[in-house]
Each structure stands twice: as structure tokens, then as C-alpha cells.
All heavy atoms as atom14 arrays in JSON, in Angstrom:
{
  "sequence": "YDERRRLNEAGKAAIARACARAIPDGASLFLDIGTTTEAVAHELLDH",
  "atom14_mask": [
    [1, 1, 1, 1, 1, 1, 1, 1, 1, 1, 1, 1, 0, 0],
    [1, 1, 1, 1, 1, 1, 1, 1, 0, 0, 0, 0, 0, 0],
    [1, 1, 1, 1, 1, 1, 1, 1, 1, 0, 0, 0, 0, 0],
    [1, 1, 1, 1, 1, 1, 1, 1, 1, 1, 1, 0, 0, 0],
    [1, 1, 1, 1, 1, 1, 1, 1, 1, 1, 1, 0, 0, 0],
    [1, 1, 1, 1, 1, 1, 1, 1, 1, 1, 1, 0, 0, 0],
    [1, 1, 1, 1, 1, 1, 1, 1, 0, 0, 0, 0, 0, 0],
    [1, 1, 1, 1, 1, 1, 1, 1, 0, 0, 0, 0, 0, 0],
    [1, 1, 1, 1, 1, 1, 1, 1, 1, 0, 0, 0, 0, 0],
    [1, 1, 1, 1, 1, 0, 0, 0, 0, 0, 0, 0, 0, 0],
    [1, 1, 1, 1, 0, 0, 0, 0, 0, 0, 0, 0, 0, 0],
    [1, 1, 1, 1, 1, 1, 1, 1, 1, 0, 0, 0, 0, 0],
    [1, 1, 1, 1, 1, 0, 0, 0, 0, 0, 0, 0, 0, 0],
    [1, 1, 1, 1, 1, 0, 0, 0, 0, 0, 0, 0, 0, 0],
    [1, 1, 1, 1, 1, 1, 1, 1, 0, 0, 0, 0, 0, 0],
    [1, 1, 1, 1, 1, 0, 0, 0, 0, 0, 0, 0, 0, 0],
    [1, 1, 1, 1, 1, 1, 1, 1, 1, 1, 1, 0, 0, 0],
    [1, 1, 1, 1, 1, 0, 0, 0, 0, 0, 0, 0, 0, 0],
    [1, 1, 1, 1, 1, 1, 0, 0, 0, 0, 0, 0, 0, 0],
    [1, 1, 1, 1, 1, 0, 0, 0, 0, 0, 0, 0, 0, 0],
    [1, 1, 1, 1, 1, 1, 1, 1, 1, 1, 1, 0, 0, 0],
    [1, 1, 1, 1, 1, 0, 0, 0, 0, 0, 0, 0, 0, 0],
    [1, 1, 1, 1, 1, 1, 1, 1, 0, 0, 0, 0, 0, 0],
    [1, 1, 1, 1, 1, 1, 1, 0, 0, 0, 0, 0, 0, 0],
    [1, 1, 1, 1, 1, 1, 1, 1, 0, 0, 0, 0, 0, 0],
    [1, 1, 1, 1, 0, 0, 0, 0, 0, 0, 0, 0, 0, 0],
    [1, 1, 1, 1, 1, 0, 0, 0, 0, 0, 0, 0, 0, 0],
    [1, 1, 1, 1, 1, 1, 0, 0, 0, 0, 0, 0, 0, 0],
    [1, 1, 1, 1, 1, 1, 1, 1, 0, 0, 0, 0, 0, 0],
    [1, 1, 1, 1, 1, 1, 1, 1, 1, 1, 1, 0, 0, 0],
    [1, 1, 1, 1, 1, 1, 1, 1, 0, 0, 0, 0, 0, 0],
    [1, 1, 1, 1, 1, 1, 1, 1, 0, 0, 0, 0, 0, 0],
    [1, 1, 1, 1, 1, 1, 1, 1, 0, 0, 0, 0, 0, 0],
    [1, 1, 1, 1, 0, 0, 0, 0, 0, 0, 0, 0, 0, 0],
    [1, 1, 1, 1, 1, 1, 1, 0, 0, 0, 0, 0, 0, 0],
    [1, 1, 1, 1, 1, 1, 1, 0, 0, 0, 0, 0, 0, 0],
    [1, 1, 1, 1, 1, 1, 1, 0, 0, 0, 0, 0, 0, 0],
    [1, 1, 1, 1, 1, 1, 1, 1, 1, 0, 0, 0, 0, 0],
    [1, 1, 1, 1, 1, 0, 0, 0, 0, 0, 0, 0, 0, 0],
    [1, 1, 1, 1, 1, 1, 1, 0, 0, 0, 0, 0, 0, 0],
    [1, 1, 1, 1, 1, 0, 0, 0, 0, 0, 0, 0, 0, 0],
    [1, 1, 1, 1, 1, 1, 1, 1, 1, 1, 0, 0, 0, 0],
    [1, 1, 1, 1, 1, 1, 1, 1, 1, 0, 0, 0, 0, 0],
    [1, 1, 1, 1, 1, 1, 1, 1, 0, 0, 0, 0, 0, 0],
    [1, 1, 1, 1, 1, 1, 1, 1, 0, 0, 0, 0, 0, 0],
    [1, 1, 1, 1, 1, 1, 1, 1, 0, 0, 0, 0, 0, 0],
    [1, 1, 1, 1, 1, 1, 1, 1, 1, 1, 0, 0, 0, 0]
  ],
  "atom14_positions": [
    [[-17.66, -1.5, -5.27], [-16.38, -0.8, -5.29], [-15.69, -0.82, -3.94], [-14.47, -1.03, -3.86], [-16.59, 0.64, -5.76], [-15.37, 1.26, -6.37], [-14.87, 0.79, -7.59], [-14.7, 2.3, -5.74], [-13.76, 1.36, -8.16], [-13.58, 2.88, -6.31], [-13.11, 2.41, -7.52], [-11.99, 2.96, -8.08], [0.0, 0.0, 0.0], [0.0, 0.0, 0.0]],
    [[-16.41, -0.63, -2.86], [-15.78, -0.66, -1.53], [-15.19, -2.03, -1.23], [-14.15, -2.14, -0.58], [-16.79, -0.27, -0.45], [-17.06, 1.23, -0.43], [-16.24, 1.98, -1.01], [-18.07, 1.65, 0.16], [0.0, 0.0, 0.0], [0.0, 0.0, 0.0], [0.0, 0.0, 0.0], [0.0, 0.0, 0.0], [0.0, 0.0, 0.0], [0.0, 0.0, 0.0]],
    [[-15.85, -3.09, -1.69], [-15.3, -4.42, -1.49], [-14.05, -4.61, -2.33], [-13.07, -5.24, -1.89], [-16.35, -5.49, -1.85], [-17.5, -5.56, -0.88], [-18.01, -6.99, -0.71], [-17.41, -7.91, -1.27], [-19.02, -7.14, -0.01], [0.0, 0.0, 0.0], [0.0, 0.0, 0.0], [0.0, 0.0, 0.0], [0.0, 0.0, 0.0], [0.0, 0.0, 0.0]],
    [[-14.03, -4.08, -3.57], [-12.85, -4.19, -4.4], [-11.68, -3.44, -3.78], [-10.53, -3.87, -3.91], [-13.14, -3.64, -5.81], [-14.26, -4.37, -6.51], [-14.15, -4.36, -8.01], [-13.98, -3.06, -8.62], [-14.98, -2.26, -8.98], [-16.23, -2.59, -8.72], [-14.75, -1.12, -9.59], [0.0, 0.0, 0.0], [0.0, 0.0, 0.0], [0.0, 0.0, 0.0]],
    [[-11.94, -2.34, -3.11], [-10.86, -1.61, -2.45], [-10.2, -2.46, -1.36], [-8.99, -2.38, -1.16], [-11.42, -0.33, -1.79], [-11.48, 0.87, -2.72], [-11.47, 2.15, -1.89], [-11.42, 3.33, -2.73], [-12.42, 4.16, -2.94], [-13.59, 3.91, -2.38], [-12.28, 5.22, -3.7], [0.0, 0.0, 0.0], [0.0, 0.0, 0.0], [0.0, 0.0, 0.0]],
    [[-10.98, -3.27, -0.68], [-10.43, -4.09, 0.41], [-9.75, -5.36, -0.09], [-9.02, -6.0, 0.65], [-11.54, -4.47, 1.4], [-12.13, -3.29, 2.16], [-12.93, -3.76, 3.36], [-14.07, -4.55, 2.97], [-15.28, -4.04, 2.72], [-15.48, -2.74, 2.81], [-16.29, -4.83, 2.38], [0.0, 0.0, 0.0], [0.0, 0.0, 0.0], [0.0, 0.0, 0.0]],
    [[-9.97, -5.7, -1.34], [-9.43, -6.93, -1.89], [-7.94, -6.78, -2.17], [-7.52, -5.96, -2.96], [-10.18, -7.29, -3.18], [-9.67, -8.48, -3.98], [-9.74, -9.75, -3.15], [-10.47, -8.65, -5.26], [0.0, 0.0, 0.0], [0.0, 0.0, 0.0], [0.0, 0.0, 0.0], [0.0, 0.0, 0.0], [0.0, 0.0, 0.0], [0.0, 0.0, 0.0]],
    [[-7.11, -7.57, -1.47], [-5.67, -7.65, -1.73], [-5.0, -6.28, -1.73], [-4.26, -5.92, -2.65], [-5.42, -8.37, -3.06], [-3.97, -8.77, -3.24], [-3.2, -8.84, -2.28], [-3.58, -9.02, -4.47], [0.0, 0.0, 0.0], [0.0, 0.0, 0.0], [0.0, 0.0, 0.0], [0.0, 0.0, 0.0], [0.0, 0.0, 0.0], [0.0, 0.0, 0.0]],
    [[-5.22, -5.51, -0.67], [-4.65, -4.16, -0.6], [-3.12, -4.17, -0.66], [-2.52, -3.32, -1.31], [-5.12, -3.48, 0.68], [-6.6, -3.09, 0.66], [-7.05, -2.45, 1.96], [-6.7, -3.0, 3.03], [-7.75, -1.44, 1.91], [0.0, 0.0, 0.0], [0.0, 0.0, 0.0], [0.0, 0.0, 0.0], [0.0, 0.0, 0.0], [0.0, 0.0, 0.0]],
    [[-2.49, -5.13, 0.02], [-1.03, -5.2, 0.03], [-0.49, -5.5, -1.37], [0.51, -4.91, -1.81], [-0.55, -6.25, 1.02], [0.0, 0.0, 0.0], [0.0, 0.0, 0.0], [0.0, 0.0, 0.0], [0.0, 0.0, 0.0], [0.0, 0.0, 0.0], [0.0, 0.0, 0.0], [0.0, 0.0, 0.0], [0.0, 0.0, 0.0], [0.0, 0.0, 0.0]],
    [[-1.14, -6.42, -2.07], [-0.71, -6.75, -3.42], [-0.84, -5.58, -4.36], [0.05, -5.3, -5.18], [0.0, 0.0, 0.0], [0.0, 0.0, 0.0], [0.0, 0.0, 0.0], [0.0, 0.0, 0.0], [0.0, 0.0, 0.0], [0.0, 0.0, 0.0], [0.0, 0.0, 0.0], [0.0, 0.0, 0.0], [0.0, 0.0, 0.0], [0.0, 0.0, 0.0]],
    [[-1.95, -4.84, -4.26], [-2.15, -3.68, -5.12], [-1.12, -2.59, -4.82], [-0.64, -1.91, -5.74], [-3.56, -3.14, -4.94], [-4.64, -4.06, -5.49], [-6.02, -3.53, -5.17], [-7.1, -4.46, -5.69], [-8.46, -4.02, -5.33], [0.0, 0.0, 0.0], [0.0, 0.0, 0.0], [0.0, 0.0, 0.0], [0.0, 0.0, 0.0], [0.0, 0.0, 0.0]],
    [[-0.78, -2.41, -3.54], [0.22, -1.4, -3.19], [1.57, -1.74, -3.79], [2.3, -0.86, -4.28], [0.31, -1.28, -1.66], [0.0, 0.0, 0.0], [0.0, 0.0, 0.0], [0.0, 0.0, 0.0], [0.0, 0.0, 0.0], [0.0, 0.0, 0.0], [0.0, 0.0, 0.0], [0.0, 0.0, 0.0], [0.0, 0.0, 0.0], [0.0, 0.0, 0.0]],
    [[1.95, -3.02, -3.76], [3.23, -3.44, -4.34], [3.23, -3.24, -5.86], [4.23, -2.79, -6.44], [3.49, -4.91, -4.0], [0.0, 0.0, 0.0], [0.0, 0.0, 0.0], [0.0, 0.0, 0.0], [0.0, 0.0, 0.0], [0.0, 0.0, 0.0], [0.0, 0.0, 0.0], [0.0, 0.0, 0.0], [0.0, 0.0, 0.0], [0.0, 0.0, 0.0]],
    [[2.11, -3.57, -6.5], [1.98, -3.34, -7.95], [2.13, -1.86, -8.25], [2.84, -1.46, -9.19], [0.61, -3.85, -8.43], [0.56, -5.38, -8.38], [0.3, -3.34, -9.84], [-0.84, -5.95, -8.56], [0.0, 0.0, 0.0], [0.0, 0.0, 0.0], [0.0, 0.0, 0.0], [0.0, 0.0, 0.0], [0.0, 0.0, 0.0], [0.0, 0.0, 0.0]],
    [[1.47, -1.02, -7.45], [1.5, 0.42, -7.68], [2.91, 0.98, -7.55], [3.34, 1.83, -8.34], [0.56, 1.12, -6.7], [0.0, 0.0, 0.0], [0.0, 0.0, 0.0], [0.0, 0.0, 0.0], [0.0, 0.0, 0.0], [0.0, 0.0, 0.0], [0.0, 0.0, 0.0], [0.0, 0.0, 0.0], [0.0, 0.0, 0.0], [0.0, 0.0, 0.0]],
    [[3.66, 0.5, -6.55], [5.04, 0.99, -6.38], [5.89, 0.63, -7.59], [6.68, 1.46, -8.08], [5.65, 0.39, -5.1], [5.09, 1.01, -3.82], [5.91, 0.6, -2.62], [5.8, -0.84, -2.34], [4.87, -1.38, -1.56], [3.97, -0.6, -0.97], [4.84, -2.67, -1.33], [0.0, 0.0, 0.0], [0.0, 0.0, 0.0], [0.0, 0.0, 0.0]],
    [[5.76, -0.59, -8.07], [6.55, -1.01, -9.24], [6.16, -0.21, -10.47], [7.03, 0.21, -11.26], [6.35, -2.5, -9.48], [0.0, 0.0, 0.0], [0.0, 0.0, 0.0], [0.0, 0.0, 0.0], [0.0, 0.0, 0.0], [0.0, 0.0, 0.0], [0.0, 0.0, 0.0], [0.0, 0.0, 0.0], [0.0, 0.0, 0.0], [0.0, 0.0, 0.0]],
    [[4.87, 0.01, -10.67], [4.42, 0.79, -11.81], [4.93, 2.22, -11.75], [5.42, 2.77, -12.75], [2.89, 0.75, -11.87], [2.18, 1.7, -13.24], [0.0, 0.0, 0.0], [0.0, 0.0, 0.0], [0.0, 0.0, 0.0], [0.0, 0.0, 0.0], [0.0, 0.0, 0.0], [0.0, 0.0, 0.0], [0.0, 0.0, 0.0], [0.0, 0.0, 0.0]],
    [[4.82, 2.84, -10.58], [5.25, 4.23, -10.43], [6.75, 4.39, -10.69], [7.18, 5.41, -11.23], [4.89, 4.73, -9.03], [0.0, 0.0, 0.0], [0.0, 0.0, 0.0], [0.0, 0.0, 0.0], [0.0, 0.0, 0.0], [0.0, 0.0, 0.0], [0.0, 0.0, 0.0], [0.0, 0.0, 0.0], [0.0, 0.0, 0.0], [0.0, 0.0, 0.0]],
    [[7.55, 3.37, -10.32], [8.99, 3.45, -10.57], [9.3, 3.47, -12.07], [10.35, 3.97, -12.49], [9.7, 2.27, -9.91], [9.85, 2.39, -8.41], [10.87, 1.4, -7.87], [10.44, 0.02, -8.05], [9.77, -0.68, -7.14], [9.44, -0.11, -5.97], [9.43, -1.93, -7.37], [0.0, 0.0, 0.0], [0.0, 0.0, 0.0], [0.0, 0.0, 0.0]],
    [[8.39, 2.93, -12.88], [8.61, 2.89, -14.33], [8.18, 4.17, -15.03], [8.37, 4.3, -16.24], [7.87, 1.69, -14.93], [0.0, 0.0, 0.0], [0.0, 0.0, 0.0], [0.0, 0.0, 0.0], [0.0, 0.0, 0.0], [0.0, 0.0, 0.0], [0.0, 0.0, 0.0], [0.0, 0.0, 0.0], [0.0, 0.0, 0.0], [0.0, 0.0, 0.0]],
    [[7.6, 5.09, -14.29], [7.13, 6.36, -14.86], [8.1, 7.47, -14.47], [8.29, 7.75, -13.29], [5.71, 6.7, -14.35], [4.73, 5.61, -14.77], [5.27, 8.06, -14.89], [3.37, 5.74, -14.14], [0.0, 0.0, 0.0], [0.0, 0.0, 0.0], [0.0, 0.0, 0.0], [0.0, 0.0, 0.0], [0.0, 0.0, 0.0], [0.0, 0.0, 0.0]],
    [[8.74, 8.1, -15.44], [9.72, 9.15, -15.11], [9.04, 10.48, -14.78], [7.87, 10.7, -15.1], [10.53, 9.26, -16.4], [9.55, 8.92, -17.48], [8.65, 7.86, -16.88], [0.0, 0.0, 0.0], [0.0, 0.0, 0.0], [0.0, 0.0, 0.0], [0.0, 0.0, 0.0], [0.0, 0.0, 0.0], [0.0, 0.0, 0.0], [0.0, 0.0, 0.0]],
    [[9.78, 11.35, -14.12], [9.33, 12.72, -13.97], [9.16, 13.34, -15.35], [9.81, 12.95, -16.33], [10.36, 13.54, -13.18], [10.43, 13.13, -11.71], [9.46, 12.51, -11.22], [11.46, 13.42, -11.07], [0.0, 0.0, 0.0], [0.0, 0.0, 0.0], [0.0, 0.0, 0.0], [0.0, 0.0, 0.0], [0.0, 0.0, 0.0], [0.0, 0.0, 0.0]],
    [[8.27, 14.32, -15.43], [8.09, 15.04, -16.68], [7.26, 14.31, -17.72], [7.29, 14.69, -18.9], [0.0, 0.0, 0.0], [0.0, 0.0, 0.0], [0.0, 0.0, 0.0], [0.0, 0.0, 0.0], [0.0, 0.0, 0.0], [0.0, 0.0, 0.0], [0.0, 0.0, 0.0], [0.0, 0.0, 0.0], [0.0, 0.0, 0.0], [0.0, 0.0, 0.0]],
    [[6.52, 13.29, -17.31], [5.75, 12.49, -18.26], [4.3, 12.95, -18.32], [3.77, 13.54, -17.37], [5.81, 11.01, -17.87], [0.0, 0.0, 0.0], [0.0, 0.0, 0.0], [0.0, 0.0, 0.0], [0.0, 0.0, 0.0], [0.0, 0.0, 0.0], [0.0, 0.0, 0.0], [0.0, 0.0, 0.0], [0.0, 0.0, 0.0], [0.0, 0.0, 0.0]],
    [[3.65, 12.64, -19.44], [2.19, 12.79, -19.53], [1.6, 11.39, -19.46], [2.1, 10.45, -20.08], [1.8, 13.47, -20.84], [2.16, 12.67, -21.96], [0.0, 0.0, 0.0], [0.0, 0.0, 0.0], [0.0, 0.0, 0.0], [0.0, 0.0, 0.0], [0.0, 0.0, 0.0], [0.0, 0.0, 0.0], [0.0, 0.0, 0.0], [0.0, 0.0, 0.0]],
    [[0.52, 11.26, -18.72], [-0.08, 9.94, -18.57], [-1.58, 10.02, -18.31], [-2.09, 11.07, -17.91], [0.6, 9.13, -17.46], [0.6, 9.69, -16.04], [0.53, 8.56, -15.02], [1.89, 10.48, -15.79], [0.0, 0.0, 0.0], [0.0, 0.0, 0.0], [0.0, 0.0, 0.0], [0.0, 0.0, 0.0], [0.0, 0.0, 0.0], [0.0, 0.0, 0.0]],
    [[-2.23, 8.89, -18.53], [-3.65, 8.75, -18.24], [-3.79, 7.64, -17.2], [-3.23, 6.56, -17.36], [-4.44, 8.38, -19.49], [-5.93, 8.5, -19.31], [-6.62, 9.59, -19.81], [-6.65, 7.52, -18.63], [-8.0, 9.71, -19.64], [-8.02, 7.63, -18.46], [-8.7, 8.73, -18.95], [0.0, 0.0, 0.0], [0.0, 0.0, 0.0], [0.0, 0.0, 0.0]],
    [[-4.56, 7.92, -16.16], [-4.87, 6.92, -15.14], [-6.34, 6.56, -15.25], [-7.22, 7.41, -15.11], [-4.58, 7.46, -13.73], [-3.12, 7.41, -13.28], [-2.95, 8.11, -11.94], [-2.63, 5.97, -13.17], [0.0, 0.0, 0.0], [0.0, 0.0, 0.0], [0.0, 0.0, 0.0], [0.0, 0.0, 0.0], [0.0, 0.0, 0.0], [0.0, 0.0, 0.0]],
    [[-6.61, 5.29, -15.47], [-7.94, 4.77, -15.74], [-8.7, 4.55, -14.43], [-8.19, 4.74, -13.33], [-7.77, 3.45, -16.5], [-9.0, 3.02, -17.26], [-9.97, 3.8, -17.31], [-9.01, 1.91, -17.81], [0.0, 0.0, 0.0], [0.0, 0.0, 0.0], [0.0, 0.0, 0.0], [0.0, 0.0, 0.0], [0.0, 0.0, 0.0], [0.0, 0.0, 0.0]],
    [[-9.93, 4.07, -14.56], [-10.76, 3.73, -13.41], [-10.26, 2.44, -12.76], [-9.84, 1.52, -13.45], [-12.22, 3.56, -13.82], [-12.78, 4.88, -14.37], [-13.09, 3.06, -12.67], [-14.14, 4.75, -15.02], [0.0, 0.0, 0.0], [0.0, 0.0, 0.0], [0.0, 0.0, 0.0], [0.0, 0.0, 0.0], [0.0, 0.0, 0.0], [0.0, 0.0, 0.0]],
    [[-10.29, 2.38, -11.43], [-9.95, 1.14, -10.75], [-9.26, 1.39, -9.43], [-8.63, 2.43, -9.22], [0.0, 0.0, 0.0], [0.0, 0.0, 0.0], [0.0, 0.0, 0.0], [0.0, 0.0, 0.0], [0.0, 0.0, 0.0], [0.0, 0.0, 0.0], [0.0, 0.0, 0.0], [0.0, 0.0, 0.0], [0.0, 0.0, 0.0], [0.0, 0.0, 0.0]],
    [[-9.36, 0.43, -8.55], [-8.73, 0.57, -7.23], [-7.22, 0.45, -7.32], [-6.5, 1.05, -6.52], [-9.28, -0.49, -6.26], [-9.07, -1.8, -6.8], [-10.78, -0.29, -6.04], [0.0, 0.0, 0.0], [0.0, 0.0, 0.0], [0.0, 0.0, 0.0], [0.0, 0.0, 0.0], [0.0, 0.0, 0.0], [0.0, 0.0, 0.0], [0.0, 0.0, 0.0]],
    [[-6.7, -0.3, -8.3], [-5.25, -0.41, -8.43], [-4.67, 0.85, -9.05], [-3.58, 1.29, -8.66], [-4.87, -1.64, -9.27], [-5.56, -2.79, -8.76], [-3.38, -1.91, -9.17], [0.0, 0.0, 0.0], [0.0, 0.0, 0.0], [0.0, 0.0, 0.0], [0.0, 0.0, 0.0], [0.0, 0.0, 0.0], [0.0, 0.0, 0.0], [0.0, 0.0, 0.0]],
    [[-5.39, 1.47, -9.98], [-4.9, 2.75, -10.51], [-4.94, 3.83, -9.44], [-4.09, 4.73, -9.43], [-5.71, 3.18, -11.75], [-7.1, 3.21, -11.43], [-5.47, 2.25, -12.91], [0.0, 0.0, 0.0], [0.0, 0.0, 0.0], [0.0, 0.0, 0.0], [0.0, 0.0, 0.0], [0.0, 0.0, 0.0], [0.0, 0.0, 0.0], [0.0, 0.0, 0.0]],
    [[-5.88, 3.75, -8.53], [-5.87, 4.68, -7.38], [-4.62, 4.48, -6.54], [-4.0, 5.44, -6.06], [-7.12, 4.49, -6.54], [-8.39, 4.99, -7.21], [-9.63, 4.76, -6.36], [-9.49, 4.67, -5.13], [-10.73, 4.67, -6.93], [0.0, 0.0, 0.0], [0.0, 0.0, 0.0], [0.0, 0.0, 0.0], [0.0, 0.0, 0.0], [0.0, 0.0, 0.0]],
    [[-4.23, 3.22, -6.36], [-2.99, 2.94, -5.61], [-1.78, 3.52, -6.34], [-0.85, 4.04, -5.71], [-2.83, 1.43, -5.41], [0.0, 0.0, 0.0], [0.0, 0.0, 0.0], [0.0, 0.0, 0.0], [0.0, 0.0, 0.0], [0.0, 0.0, 0.0], [0.0, 0.0, 0.0], [0.0, 0.0, 0.0], [0.0, 0.0, 0.0], [0.0, 0.0, 0.0]],
    [[-1.78, 3.46, -7.68], [-0.7, 4.07, -8.45], [-0.66, 5.58, -8.22], [0.42, 6.18, -8.06], [-0.86, 3.77, -9.96], [0.18, 4.53, -10.78], [-0.74, 2.27, -10.22], [0.0, 0.0, 0.0], [0.0, 0.0, 0.0], [0.0, 0.0, 0.0], [0.0, 0.0, 0.0], [0.0, 0.0, 0.0], [0.0, 0.0, 0.0], [0.0, 0.0, 0.0]],
    [[-1.82, 6.21, -8.19], [-1.88, 7.66, -7.94], [-1.19, 8.02, -6.63], [-0.44, 9.0, -6.56], [-3.33, 8.14, -7.95], [0.0, 0.0, 0.0], [0.0, 0.0, 0.0], [0.0, 0.0, 0.0], [0.0, 0.0, 0.0], [0.0, 0.0, 0.0], [0.0, 0.0, 0.0], [0.0, 0.0, 0.0], [0.0, 0.0, 0.0], [0.0, 0.0, 0.0]],
    [[-1.42, 7.24, -5.59], [-0.75, 7.5, -4.3], [0.76, 7.43, -4.45], [1.49, 8.2, -3.8], [-1.22, 6.48, -3.26], [-2.58, 6.77, -2.68], [-2.81, 7.83, -1.82], [-3.76, 6.13, -2.84], [-4.09, 7.83, -1.48], [-4.68, 6.82, -2.07], [0.0, 0.0, 0.0], [0.0, 0.0, 0.0], [0.0, 0.0, 0.0], [0.0, 0.0, 0.0]],
    [[1.24, 6.51, -5.29], [2.68, 6.34, -5.45], [3.31, 7.41, -6.34], [4.54, 7.49, -6.44], [2.98, 4.95, -6.01], [2.59, 3.81, -5.1], [3.31, 3.83, -3.76], [4.49, 4.26, -3.73], [2.69, 3.42, -2.76], [0.0, 0.0, 0.0], [0.0, 0.0, 0.0], [0.0, 0.0, 0.0], [0.0, 0.0, 0.0], [0.0, 0.0, 0.0]],
    [[2.49, 8.23, -6.98], [3.0, 9.3, -7.85], [3.08, 10.66, -7.15], [3.43, 11.66, -7.78], [2.11, 9.43, -9.09], [2.13, 8.26, -10.07], [1.08, 8.47, -11.16], [3.5, 8.08, -10.69], [0.0, 0.0, 0.0], [0.0, 0.0, 0.0], [0.0, 0.0, 0.0], [0.0, 0.0, 0.0], [0.0, 0.0, 0.0], [0.0, 0.0, 0.0]],
    [[2.8, 10.67, -5.87], [2.72, 11.97, -5.17], [4.06, 12.68, -5.06], [4.11, 13.9, -4.88], [2.1, 11.77, -3.78], [0.62, 11.37, -3.79], [0.1, 11.21, -2.36], [-0.22, 12.38, -4.56], [0.0, 0.0, 0.0], [0.0, 0.0, 0.0], [0.0, 0.0, 0.0], [0.0, 0.0, 0.0], [0.0, 0.0, 0.0], [0.0, 0.0, 0.0]],
    [[5.16, 11.95, -5.18], [6.48, 12.59, -5.13], [7.08, 12.81, -6.51], [8.21, 13.31, -6.62], [7.44, 11.73, -4.28], [7.05, 11.73, -2.8], [6.52, 12.76, -2.34], [7.28, 10.7, -2.14], [0.0, 0.0, 0.0], [0.0, 0.0, 0.0], [0.0, 0.0, 0.0], [0.0, 0.0, 0.0], [0.0, 0.0, 0.0], [0.0, 0.0, 0.0]],
    [[6.38, 12.42, -7.57], [6.88, 12.67, -8.92], [6.77, 14.16, -9.24], [5.91, 14.87, -8.71], [6.07, 11.87, -9.95], [6.53, 10.46, -10.1], [6.65, 9.59, -9.04], [6.89, 9.75, -11.22], [7.07, 8.41, -9.49], [7.23, 8.48, -10.79], [0.0, 0.0, 0.0], [0.0, 0.0, 0.0], [0.0, 0.0, 0.0], [0.0, 0.0, 0.0]]
  ]
}
């Protein structure tokens, strides 16, 4: 898992930003296991 976290961090951050923009305020959602879903969680902190 620690190696997966280091793999393509910039690419995962860009994916997470795009995904978070598609999620509106006031939504219900499920975030699965994975380093990219963790990156999405960071991008949802202002929702």
C-alpha cells in the first residue's frame, strides 16, 4: 500500500480534482478502498 501511494501521485491528484468537481454539494456518496479514492477525499474537504 505505501508503494501504491507513491505511484503517480500527481496523476492521482489530477484525477481526484476532476472527480470532485463532478460531485455537487448536498450529495450522498460512497468512497471505496484505494489510494486514488483517498486523493478524492482530500478534494472534497471544501464541499
